[in-house]
Amino acid sequence: MPTSKGWVSVFQCPICGELMEALTNNHCQSRHQMSRNDLIGRFGVPKYVTPAMKREIQQWIRSSQVITRMDFEVAQGAVRNQIKRS
């Protein structure tokens, strides 16, 4: 999937609203029984959706870090200890 600054490009089908990397003939035929060109001609181009994270999700990610500062410091202390022994 193409990414830009860590985000995935996402498009939304103008009929059903399904999010996808690209509007494909397969989606148009299987879901809406029309070609991609017919769908675009009748309903317009798929809408580009800019991915964004809500504040609550960002705060949850920050608060649930896998590596805490204490974990980092313990690892650094162990490395310093190993260097002293060498």
Protein backbone atom coordinates (compact mmCIF):
# COMPACT_ATOMS: atom_id res chain seq x y z
CA MET A 1 0.00 0.00 0.00
CA PRO A 2 1.33 3.44 -0.81
CA THR A 3 2.13 5.42 2.27
CA SER A 4 2.88 9.06 2.82
CA LYS A 5 4.35 10.05 6.17
CA GLY A 6 3.19 6.75 7.63
CA TRP A 7 -0.40 7.08 6.41
CA VAL A 8 -2.12 4.82 3.93
CA SER A 9 -3.97 6.42 1.01
CA VAL A 10 -7.66 5.58 1.35
CA PHE A 11 -10.55 6.16 -1.05
CA GLN A 12 -14.27 5.80 -0.39
CA CYS A 13 -16.68 4.23 -2.88
CA PRO A 14 -19.25 6.87 -3.92
CA ILE A 15 -22.12 4.34 -3.66
CA CYS A 16 -21.54 2.08 -0.66
CA GLY A 17 -18.90 4.07 1.22
CA GLU A 18 -16.48 1.15 1.48
CA LEU A 19 -12.90 2.28 2.17
CA MET A 20 -10.22 0.88 -0.13
CA GLU A 21 -6.79 1.59 -1.55
CA ALA A 22 -8.27 2.17 -5.02
CA LEU A 23 -11.68 1.85 -6.66
CA THR A 24 -11.33 -1.27 -8.81
CA ASN A 25 -13.37 -2.85 -11.57
CA ASN A 26 -13.68 -5.94 -9.37
CA HIS A 27 -15.35 -3.94 -6.57
CA CYS A 28 -17.64 -2.13 -9.00
CA GLN A 29 -18.70 -5.33 -10.78
CA SER A 30 -19.15 -7.51 -7.69
CA ARG A 31 -20.89 -4.92 -5.50
CA HIS A 32 -22.71 -2.65 -7.96
CA GLN A 33 -22.95 -4.67 -11.22
CA MET A 34 -21.38 -1.93 -13.33
CA SER A 35 -17.94 -1.08 -14.68
CA ARG A 36 -15.66 1.34 -12.88
CA ASN A 37 -16.06 3.91 -15.68
CA ASP A 38 -19.87 3.63 -15.55
CA LEU A 39 -19.84 4.03 -11.76
CA ILE A 40 -17.62 7.12 -11.94
CA GLY A 41 -19.73 8.60 -14.76
CA ARG A 42 -22.94 8.11 -12.81
CA PHE A 43 -21.90 8.76 -9.18
CA GLY A 44 -18.62 10.67 -9.45
CA VAL A 45 -15.04 9.86 -8.52
CA PRO A 46 -14.24 8.11 -5.23
CA LYS A 47 -13.68 10.48 -2.34
CA TYR A 48 -10.14 10.66 -0.94
CA VAL A 49 -10.27 10.19 2.81
CA THR A 50 -7.46 11.71 4.84
CA PRO A 51 -6.68 9.39 7.73
CA ALA A 52 -6.71 11.12 11.10
CA MET A 53 -6.59 9.89 14.65
CA LYS A 54 -8.93 11.23 17.27
CA ARG A 55 -7.45 12.78 20.40
CA GLU A 56 -8.58 9.86 22.60
CA ILE A 57 -6.73 7.35 20.42
CA GLN A 58 -3.56 9.47 20.42
CA GLN A 59 -3.69 9.75 24.21
CA TRP A 60 -4.23 5.99 24.55
CA ILE A 61 -1.18 5.29 22.35
CA ARG A 62 0.98 7.63 24.43
CA SER A 63 -0.20 6.19 27.75
CA SER A 64 0.22 2.55 26.70
CA GLN A 65 3.74 2.65 25.36
CA VAL A 66 5.37 -0.74 25.18
CA ILE A 67 8.77 0.58 26.27
CA THR A 68 8.67 2.89 29.26
CA ARG A 69 11.46 5.16 30.40
CA MET A 70 12.23 2.75 33.26
CA ASP A 71 12.57 -0.15 30.80
CA PHE A 72 15.06 1.91 28.80
CA GLU A 73 17.07 2.87 31.87
CA VAL A 74 17.26 -0.73 33.14
CA ALA A 75 18.55 -1.86 29.74
CA GLN A 76 21.11 0.95 29.66
CA GLY A 77 22.28 0.02 33.18
CA ALA A 78 22.72 -3.60 32.10
CA VAL A 79 24.82 -2.52 29.10
CA ARG A 80 26.98 -0.27 31.26
CA ASN A 81 27.46 -3.16 33.68
CA GLN A 82 28.57 -5.47 30.84
CA ILE A 83 31.03 -2.86 29.50
CA LYS A 84 32.62 -2.45 32.93
CA ARG A 85 33.20 -6.21 33.17
CA SER A 86 34.93 -6.40 29.77
